């Protein structure tokens, strides 16, 4: 995943390098005094709402999965500052964006088939209920003879 290349997510889902906007900011992670001097964290912006390489279904799911990382305008913002170098943070941000879009590109799950319990299962359940009922009735007060 080089900075000059786009991302290949899934068949039919491509992101060009010109669609990704990177901005380097100061990181709050590890690095000692270096953190205060060097902008190593990356803020990756991807305009999902206007991306030509995304099918409509993937676009909608990506914005839904992004949650608060998506702006009102449909831009997904991913901040990566785990590592001490720009390159590692850049690769991390791109990997996280690729994972988000890959999850959005997955086909929807098959609809659940409704099933009925078998007759034997229904009979066993009712027999067990009747047994429990009998046990609880025996716990009541004894009637005088």
N, C-alpha and C. Protein backbone atom coordinates (compact mmCIF):
# COMPACT_ATOMS: atom_id res chain seq x y z
N UNK A 1 0.83 -1.17 0.00
CA UNK A 1 0.00 0.00 0.00
C UNK A 1 0.88 1.25 0.00
N UNK A 2 1.37 1.63 -1.11
CA UNK A 2 2.19 2.82 -1.22
C UNK A 2 1.32 4.06 -1.21
N UNK A 3 1.97 5.20 -0.91
CA UNK A 3 1.24 6.45 -0.85
C UNK A 3 0.81 6.91 -2.24
N UNK A 4 1.57 6.53 -3.29
CA UNK A 4 1.26 6.99 -4.63
C UNK A 4 0.24 6.09 -5.33
N UNK A 5 -0.08 4.94 -4.74
CA UNK A 5 -1.06 4.03 -5.34
C UNK A 5 -2.37 4.11 -4.56
N UNK A 6 -3.42 3.74 -5.24
CA UNK A 6 -4.71 3.69 -4.57
C UNK A 6 -4.86 2.39 -3.81
N UNK A 7 -6.08 2.12 -3.38
CA UNK A 7 -6.37 0.91 -2.62
C UNK A 7 -7.32 0.03 -3.41
N UNK A 8 -6.99 -1.26 -3.49
CA UNK A 8 -7.90 -2.24 -4.07
C UNK A 8 -8.57 -2.95 -2.90
N UNK A 9 -9.87 -2.79 -2.78
CA UNK A 9 -10.60 -3.32 -1.64
C UNK A 9 -11.20 -4.69 -1.96
N UNK A 10 -12.00 -4.76 -2.99
CA UNK A 10 -12.70 -5.98 -3.38
C UNK A 10 -12.99 -5.87 -4.87
N UNK A 11 -13.44 -6.95 -5.50
CA UNK A 11 -13.80 -6.83 -6.92
C UNK A 11 -14.86 -5.75 -7.13
N UNK A 12 -14.54 -4.79 -7.97
CA UNK A 12 -15.48 -3.70 -8.24
C UNK A 12 -15.37 -2.54 -7.28
N UNK A 13 -14.47 -2.62 -6.30
CA UNK A 13 -14.31 -1.54 -5.33
C UNK A 13 -12.86 -1.09 -5.36
N UNK A 14 -12.62 0.06 -5.97
CA UNK A 14 -11.28 0.63 -6.11
C UNK A 14 -11.29 2.06 -5.59
N UNK A 15 -10.18 2.45 -4.97
CA UNK A 15 -10.02 3.83 -4.52
C UNK A 15 -8.74 4.36 -5.14
N UNK A 16 -8.84 5.43 -5.86
CA UNK A 16 -7.67 6.04 -6.48
C UNK A 16 -6.87 6.82 -5.45
N UNK A 17 -5.58 7.01 -5.73
CA UNK A 17 -4.71 7.75 -4.82
C UNK A 17 -5.16 9.21 -4.70
N UNK A 18 -5.75 9.75 -5.76
CA UNK A 18 -6.20 11.14 -5.73
C UNK A 18 -7.45 11.33 -4.87
N UNK A 19 -8.10 10.23 -4.49
CA UNK A 19 -9.29 10.33 -3.64
C UNK A 19 -8.95 10.35 -2.15
N UNK A 20 -7.69 10.04 -1.83
CA UNK A 20 -7.25 10.03 -0.43
C UNK A 20 -6.49 11.31 -0.13
N UNK A 21 -6.84 11.92 0.99
CA UNK A 21 -6.16 13.15 1.39
C UNK A 21 -5.52 12.90 2.76
N UNK A 22 -4.20 13.08 2.82
CA UNK A 22 -3.48 12.86 4.07
C UNK A 22 -2.99 14.18 4.62
N UNK A 23 -3.09 14.29 5.94
CA UNK A 23 -2.59 15.47 6.63
C UNK A 23 -1.86 14.97 7.87
N UNK A 24 -0.66 15.47 8.09
CA UNK A 24 0.12 15.02 9.23
C UNK A 24 -0.06 16.00 10.38
N UNK A 25 -0.31 15.43 11.56
CA UNK A 25 -0.56 16.22 12.76
C UNK A 25 0.31 15.68 13.88
N UNK A 26 0.40 16.44 14.96
CA UNK A 26 1.21 15.99 16.09
C UNK A 26 0.50 14.84 16.80
N UNK A 27 1.28 13.86 17.17
CA UNK A 27 0.75 12.66 17.78
C UNK A 27 0.77 12.79 19.30
N UNK A 28 -0.12 12.06 19.95
CA UNK A 28 -0.12 12.04 21.41
C UNK A 28 0.42 10.73 21.94
N UNK A 29 0.88 9.88 21.05
CA UNK A 29 1.33 8.54 21.44
C UNK A 29 2.76 8.52 21.92
N UNK A 30 3.43 7.37 21.80
CA UNK A 30 4.80 7.22 22.29
C UNK A 30 5.77 8.06 21.48
N UNK A 31 6.90 8.42 22.10
CA UNK A 31 7.91 9.15 21.37
C UNK A 31 8.67 10.16 22.20
N UNK A 32 8.30 10.33 23.47
CA UNK A 32 9.04 11.25 24.34
C UNK A 32 8.96 12.68 23.83
N UNK A 33 10.09 13.40 23.89
CA UNK A 33 10.12 14.80 23.46
C UNK A 33 9.89 14.92 21.96
N UNK A 34 10.18 13.85 21.22
CA UNK A 34 9.99 13.85 19.77
C UNK A 34 8.54 14.16 19.41
N UNK A 35 7.60 13.73 20.26
CA UNK A 35 6.17 13.93 20.02
C UNK A 35 5.85 15.41 19.91
N UNK A 36 6.52 16.23 20.71
CA UNK A 36 6.22 17.66 20.74
C UNK A 36 6.80 18.41 19.55
N UNK A 37 7.72 17.78 18.82
CA UNK A 37 8.41 18.49 17.74
C UNK A 37 7.99 18.04 16.35
N UNK A 38 7.63 16.77 16.19
CA UNK A 38 7.43 16.20 14.86
C UNK A 38 5.98 15.77 14.67
N UNK A 39 5.43 16.08 13.50
CA UNK A 39 4.06 15.68 13.19
C UNK A 39 4.10 14.28 12.58
N UNK A 40 3.92 13.25 13.43
CA UNK A 40 4.01 11.88 12.94
C UNK A 40 2.65 11.22 12.75
N UNK A 41 1.63 11.72 13.42
CA UNK A 41 0.30 11.11 13.27
C UNK A 41 -0.28 11.54 11.93
N UNK A 42 -1.11 10.68 11.36
CA UNK A 42 -1.72 10.99 10.07
C UNK A 42 -3.23 11.04 10.21
N UNK A 43 -3.81 11.99 9.49
CA UNK A 43 -5.26 12.11 9.43
C UNK A 43 -5.63 11.84 7.97
N UNK A 44 -6.24 10.70 7.73
CA UNK A 44 -6.59 10.26 6.38
C UNK A 44 -8.05 10.59 6.13
N UNK A 45 -8.29 11.34 5.05
CA UNK A 45 -9.66 11.72 4.70
C UNK A 45 -10.03 11.05 3.38
N UNK A 46 -11.23 10.47 3.36
CA UNK A 46 -11.74 9.83 2.15
C UNK A 46 -13.17 10.27 1.95
N UNK A 47 -13.43 10.93 0.83
CA UNK A 47 -14.77 11.44 0.53
C UNK A 47 -15.60 10.29 -0.05
N UNK A 48 -16.22 9.53 0.84
CA UNK A 48 -16.99 8.35 0.43
C UNK A 48 -18.25 8.74 -0.32
N UNK A 49 -18.84 9.87 0.02
CA UNK A 49 -20.10 10.27 -0.60
C UNK A 49 -19.92 10.57 -2.09
N UNK A 50 -18.74 11.03 -2.49
CA UNK A 50 -18.51 11.41 -3.89
C UNK A 50 -17.48 10.54 -4.58
N UNK A 51 -17.15 9.38 -4.02
CA UNK A 51 -16.13 8.51 -4.60
C UNK A 51 -16.70 7.76 -5.79
N UNK A 52 -16.08 7.89 -6.97
CA UNK A 52 -16.61 7.20 -8.15
C UNK A 52 -16.33 5.69 -8.13
N UNK A 53 -15.35 5.24 -7.34
CA UNK A 53 -14.99 3.82 -7.33
C UNK A 53 -15.82 2.97 -6.40
N UNK A 54 -16.80 3.57 -5.72
CA UNK A 54 -17.62 2.82 -4.77
C UNK A 54 -19.03 2.60 -5.31
N UNK A 55 -19.51 1.37 -5.33
CA UNK A 55 -20.92 1.14 -5.66
C UNK A 55 -21.82 1.75 -4.57
N UNK A 56 -23.04 2.06 -4.91
CA UNK A 56 -23.95 2.74 -3.98
C UNK A 56 -24.17 1.95 -2.69
N UNK A 57 -24.33 0.63 -2.80
CA UNK A 57 -24.57 -0.20 -1.61
C UNK A 57 -23.37 -0.14 -0.67
N UNK A 58 -22.16 -0.21 -1.23
CA UNK A 58 -20.94 -0.16 -0.42
C UNK A 58 -20.79 1.21 0.22
N UNK A 59 -21.12 2.26 -0.52
CA UNK A 59 -21.01 3.63 -0.01
C UNK A 59 -21.89 3.81 1.23
N UNK A 60 -23.15 3.36 1.12
CA UNK A 60 -24.09 3.51 2.24
C UNK A 60 -23.63 2.72 3.46
N UNK A 61 -23.19 1.47 3.24
CA UNK A 61 -22.74 0.65 4.36
C UNK A 61 -21.47 1.21 4.99
N UNK A 62 -20.57 1.75 4.16
CA UNK A 62 -19.31 2.30 4.68
C UNK A 62 -19.59 3.50 5.59
N UNK A 63 -20.48 4.36 5.17
CA UNK A 63 -20.81 5.53 5.99
C UNK A 63 -21.51 5.12 7.28
N UNK A 64 -22.32 4.07 7.19
CA UNK A 64 -23.01 3.57 8.39
C UNK A 64 -22.00 2.93 9.36
N UNK A 65 -21.07 2.12 8.81
CA UNK A 65 -20.07 1.46 9.65
C UNK A 65 -19.07 2.45 10.24
N UNK A 66 -18.81 3.54 9.52
CA UNK A 66 -17.84 4.53 9.99
C UNK A 66 -18.33 5.23 11.25
N UNK A 67 -19.62 5.37 11.40
CA UNK A 67 -20.18 5.99 12.61
C UNK A 67 -19.71 7.42 12.77
N UNK A 68 -19.07 7.72 13.90
CA UNK A 68 -18.64 9.08 14.18
C UNK A 68 -17.40 9.48 13.39
N UNK A 69 -16.76 8.51 12.74
CA UNK A 69 -15.60 8.85 11.91
C UNK A 69 -16.04 9.47 10.59
N UNK A 70 -17.33 9.45 10.28
CA UNK A 70 -17.85 10.06 9.06
C UNK A 70 -18.47 11.41 9.40
N UNK A 71 -18.18 12.40 8.54
CA UNK A 71 -18.76 13.73 8.74
C UNK A 71 -20.14 13.78 8.09
N UNK A 72 -20.84 14.88 8.30
CA UNK A 72 -22.17 15.06 7.71
C UNK A 72 -22.08 15.09 6.18
N UNK A 73 -20.94 15.51 5.66
CA UNK A 73 -20.76 15.61 4.21
C UNK A 73 -20.38 14.28 3.57
N UNK A 74 -20.23 13.23 4.36
CA UNK A 74 -19.89 11.92 3.81
C UNK A 74 -18.40 11.69 3.67
N UNK A 75 -17.59 12.40 4.45
CA UNK A 75 -16.13 12.22 4.42
C UNK A 75 -15.74 11.35 5.61
N UNK A 76 -15.03 10.27 5.34
CA UNK A 76 -14.56 9.39 6.42
C UNK A 76 -13.18 9.87 6.83
N UNK A 77 -13.00 10.14 8.14
CA UNK A 77 -11.73 10.64 8.67
C UNK A 77 -11.17 9.59 9.61
N UNK A 78 -9.96 9.12 9.31
CA UNK A 78 -9.29 8.13 10.15
C UNK A 78 -7.99 8.74 10.65
N UNK A 79 -7.82 8.75 11.98
CA UNK A 79 -6.60 9.26 12.57
C UNK A 79 -5.78 8.09 13.08
N UNK A 80 -4.50 8.09 12.73
CA UNK A 80 -3.59 7.02 13.16
C UNK A 80 -2.36 7.66 13.77
N UNK A 81 -2.11 7.34 15.03
CA UNK A 81 -0.95 7.89 15.72
C UNK A 81 -0.32 6.88 16.65
N UNK A 82 -0.50 5.60 16.37
CA UNK A 82 0.02 4.54 17.25
C UNK A 82 1.53 4.43 17.19
N UNK A 83 2.10 4.75 16.03
CA UNK A 83 3.52 4.49 15.82
C UNK A 83 4.32 5.78 15.86
N UNK A 84 5.65 5.63 15.85
CA UNK A 84 6.53 6.79 15.96
C UNK A 84 6.91 7.38 14.61
N UNK A 85 6.62 6.70 13.52
CA UNK A 85 7.01 7.23 12.22
C UNK A 85 5.78 7.51 11.35
N UNK A 86 5.95 8.48 10.47
CA UNK A 86 4.87 8.84 9.56
C UNK A 86 4.48 7.66 8.67
N UNK A 87 5.49 6.95 8.17
CA UNK A 87 5.21 5.86 7.24
C UNK A 87 4.37 4.75 7.90
N UNK A 88 4.72 4.39 9.13
CA UNK A 88 3.95 3.36 9.82
C UNK A 88 2.53 3.83 10.08
N UNK A 89 2.38 5.09 10.50
CA UNK A 89 1.04 5.62 10.75
C UNK A 89 0.24 5.73 9.46
N UNK A 90 0.90 6.10 8.37
CA UNK A 90 0.22 6.18 7.07
C UNK A 90 -0.27 4.80 6.65
N UNK A 91 0.58 3.79 6.80
CA UNK A 91 0.18 2.42 6.43
C UNK A 91 -0.95 1.93 7.34
N UNK A 92 -0.89 2.28 8.63
CA UNK A 92 -1.93 1.88 9.57
C UNK A 92 -3.27 2.52 9.19
N UNK A 93 -3.27 3.81 8.86
CA UNK A 93 -4.50 4.50 8.50
C UNK A 93 -5.10 3.90 7.23
N UNK A 94 -4.25 3.62 6.24
CA UNK A 94 -4.73 3.04 4.99
C UNK A 94 -5.28 1.63 5.22
N UNK A 95 -4.61 0.86 6.08
CA UNK A 95 -5.09 -0.50 6.38
C UNK A 95 -6.44 -0.45 7.08
N UNK A 96 -6.61 0.50 7.99
CA UNK A 96 -7.89 0.63 8.70
C UNK A 96 -9.01 1.06 7.76
N UNK A 97 -8.71 1.97 6.83
CA UNK A 97 -9.70 2.37 5.84
C UNK A 97 -10.05 1.19 4.94
N UNK A 98 -9.03 0.45 4.51
CA UNK A 98 -9.27 -0.71 3.65
C UNK A 98 -10.12 -1.75 4.37
N UNK A 99 -9.87 -1.97 5.67
CA UNK A 99 -10.65 -2.95 6.44
C UNK A 99 -12.11 -2.50 6.56
N UNK A 100 -12.31 -1.20 6.79
CA UNK A 100 -13.66 -0.66 6.90
C UNK A 100 -14.41 -0.84 5.58
N UNK A 101 -13.77 -0.52 4.48
CA UNK A 101 -14.42 -0.64 3.18
C UNK A 101 -14.62 -2.09 2.76
N UNK A 102 -13.69 -2.97 3.17
CA UNK A 102 -13.84 -4.40 2.86
C UNK A 102 -15.05 -4.96 3.60
N UNK A 103 -15.23 -4.53 4.84
CA UNK A 103 -16.39 -4.98 5.61
C UNK A 103 -17.68 -4.46 4.98
N UNK A 104 -17.63 -3.23 4.46
CA UNK A 104 -18.81 -2.65 3.81
C UNK A 104 -19.10 -3.35 2.48
N UNK A 105 -18.07 -3.89 1.84
CA UNK A 105 -18.24 -4.52 0.53
C UNK A 105 -18.69 -5.97 0.63
N UNK A 106 -18.69 -6.54 1.84
CA UNK A 106 -19.14 -7.92 2.00
C UNK A 106 -20.60 -8.05 1.58
N UNK A 107 -20.96 -9.16 0.96
CA UNK A 107 -22.37 -9.33 0.58
C UNK A 107 -23.23 -9.42 1.84
N UNK A 108 -24.48 -8.97 1.74
CA UNK A 108 -25.33 -9.04 2.93
C UNK A 108 -25.59 -10.50 3.31
N UNK A 109 -25.81 -10.76 4.60
CA UNK A 109 -26.05 -12.15 5.01
C UNK A 109 -27.36 -12.67 4.44
N UNK A 110 -27.41 -14.00 4.26
CA UNK A 110 -28.63 -14.61 3.74
C UNK A 110 -29.75 -14.43 4.77
N UNK A 111 -30.98 -14.25 4.29
CA UNK A 111 -32.07 -14.09 5.26
C UNK A 111 -32.29 -15.38 6.05
N UNK A 112 -32.66 -15.23 7.29
CA UNK A 112 -32.85 -16.36 8.19
C UNK A 112 -34.12 -17.11 7.81
N UNK A 113 -34.01 -18.42 7.76
CA UNK A 113 -35.19 -19.24 7.49
C UNK A 113 -35.90 -19.54 8.81
N UNK A 114 -37.18 -19.29 8.84
CA UNK A 114 -37.95 -19.58 10.05
C UNK A 114 -38.16 -21.08 10.13
N UNK A 115 -37.97 -21.63 11.30
CA UNK A 115 -38.17 -23.07 11.50
C UNK A 115 -39.16 -23.29 12.63
N UNK A 116 -39.80 -24.46 12.60
CA UNK A 116 -40.73 -24.83 13.65
C UNK A 116 -40.09 -25.92 14.51
N UNK A 117 -40.37 -25.91 15.81
CA UNK A 117 -39.86 -27.01 16.62
C UNK A 117 -40.57 -28.31 16.25
N UNK A 118 -39.87 -29.41 16.39
CA UNK A 118 -40.47 -30.71 16.04
C UNK A 118 -41.58 -31.06 17.04
N UNK A 119 -42.45 -31.98 16.62
CA UNK A 119 -43.54 -32.40 17.52
C UNK A 119 -42.99 -33.00 18.81
N UNK A 120 -41.93 -33.77 18.69
CA UNK A 120 -41.32 -34.38 19.87
C UNK A 120 -40.81 -33.33 20.84
N UNK A 121 -40.20 -32.27 20.29
CA UNK A 121 -39.66 -31.20 21.15
C UNK A 121 -40.80 -30.48 21.87
N UNK A 122 -41.90 -30.23 21.16
CA UNK A 122 -43.06 -29.57 21.78
C UNK A 122 -43.62 -30.45 22.89
N UNK A 123 -43.75 -31.76 22.62
CA UNK A 123 -44.30 -32.67 23.64
C UNK A 123 -43.38 -32.73 24.87
N UNK A 124 -42.08 -32.82 24.64
CA UNK A 124 -41.13 -32.86 25.78
C UNK A 124 -41.23 -31.58 26.61
N UNK A 125 -41.34 -30.44 25.94
CA UNK A 125 -41.43 -29.17 26.66
C UNK A 125 -42.69 -29.13 27.50
N UNK A 126 -43.83 -29.53 26.92
CA UNK A 126 -45.08 -29.49 27.67
C UNK A 126 -45.08 -30.49 28.83
N UNK A 127 -44.46 -31.65 28.62
CA UNK A 127 -44.37 -32.65 29.69
C UNK A 127 -43.52 -32.11 30.84
N UNK A 128 -42.41 -31.45 30.50
CA UNK A 128 -41.54 -30.86 31.52
C UNK A 128 -42.28 -29.77 32.29
N UNK A 129 -43.06 -28.94 31.56
CA UNK A 129 -43.83 -27.88 32.23
C UNK A 129 -44.85 -28.48 33.20
N UNK A 130 -45.52 -29.55 32.76
CA UNK A 130 -46.52 -30.18 33.63
C UNK A 130 -45.84 -30.76 34.87
N UNK A 131 -44.67 -31.34 34.69
CA UNK A 131 -43.93 -31.90 35.83
C UNK A 131 -43.55 -30.82 36.83
N UNK A 132 -43.03 -29.68 36.31
CA UNK A 132 -42.65 -28.57 37.20
C UNK A 132 -43.87 -28.03 37.93
N UNK A 133 -44.99 -27.95 37.20
CA UNK A 133 -46.23 -27.47 37.80
C UNK A 133 -46.64 -28.36 38.96
N UNK A 134 -46.56 -29.67 38.76
CA UNK A 134 -46.92 -30.61 39.82
C UNK A 134 -46.02 -30.45 41.04
N UNK A 135 -44.72 -30.28 40.81
CA UNK A 135 -43.77 -30.10 41.93
C UNK A 135 -44.13 -28.85 42.71
N UNK A 136 -44.45 -27.77 42.02
CA UNK A 136 -44.75 -26.51 42.71
C UNK A 136 -46.09 -26.60 43.46
N UNK A 137 -47.05 -27.35 42.92
CA UNK A 137 -48.34 -27.50 43.62
C UNK A 137 -48.14 -28.27 44.92
N UNK A 138 -47.19 -29.21 44.95
CA UNK A 138 -46.92 -30.00 46.16
C UNK A 138 -46.30 -29.15 47.28
N UNK A 139 -45.77 -27.98 46.91
CA UNK A 139 -45.12 -27.11 47.91
C UNK A 139 -46.16 -26.29 48.70
N UNK A 140 -47.41 -26.34 48.28
CA UNK A 140 -48.44 -25.51 48.93
C UNK A 140 -48.80 -26.06 50.31
N UNK A 141 -49.73 -25.33 50.96
CA UNK A 141 -50.18 -25.74 52.29
C UNK A 141 -50.94 -27.05 52.20
N UNK A 142 -50.81 -27.84 53.23
CA UNK A 142 -51.51 -29.12 53.29
C UNK A 142 -52.91 -28.88 53.80
N UNK A 143 -53.93 -29.42 53.12
CA UNK A 143 -55.32 -29.25 53.55
C UNK A 143 -55.59 -30.19 54.71
N UNK A 144 -56.31 -29.72 55.77
CA UNK A 144 -56.61 -30.61 56.91
C UNK A 144 -57.63 -31.68 56.51
N UNK A 145 -57.44 -32.90 57.01
CA UNK A 145 -58.35 -34.03 56.68
C UNK A 145 -59.46 -34.16 57.66
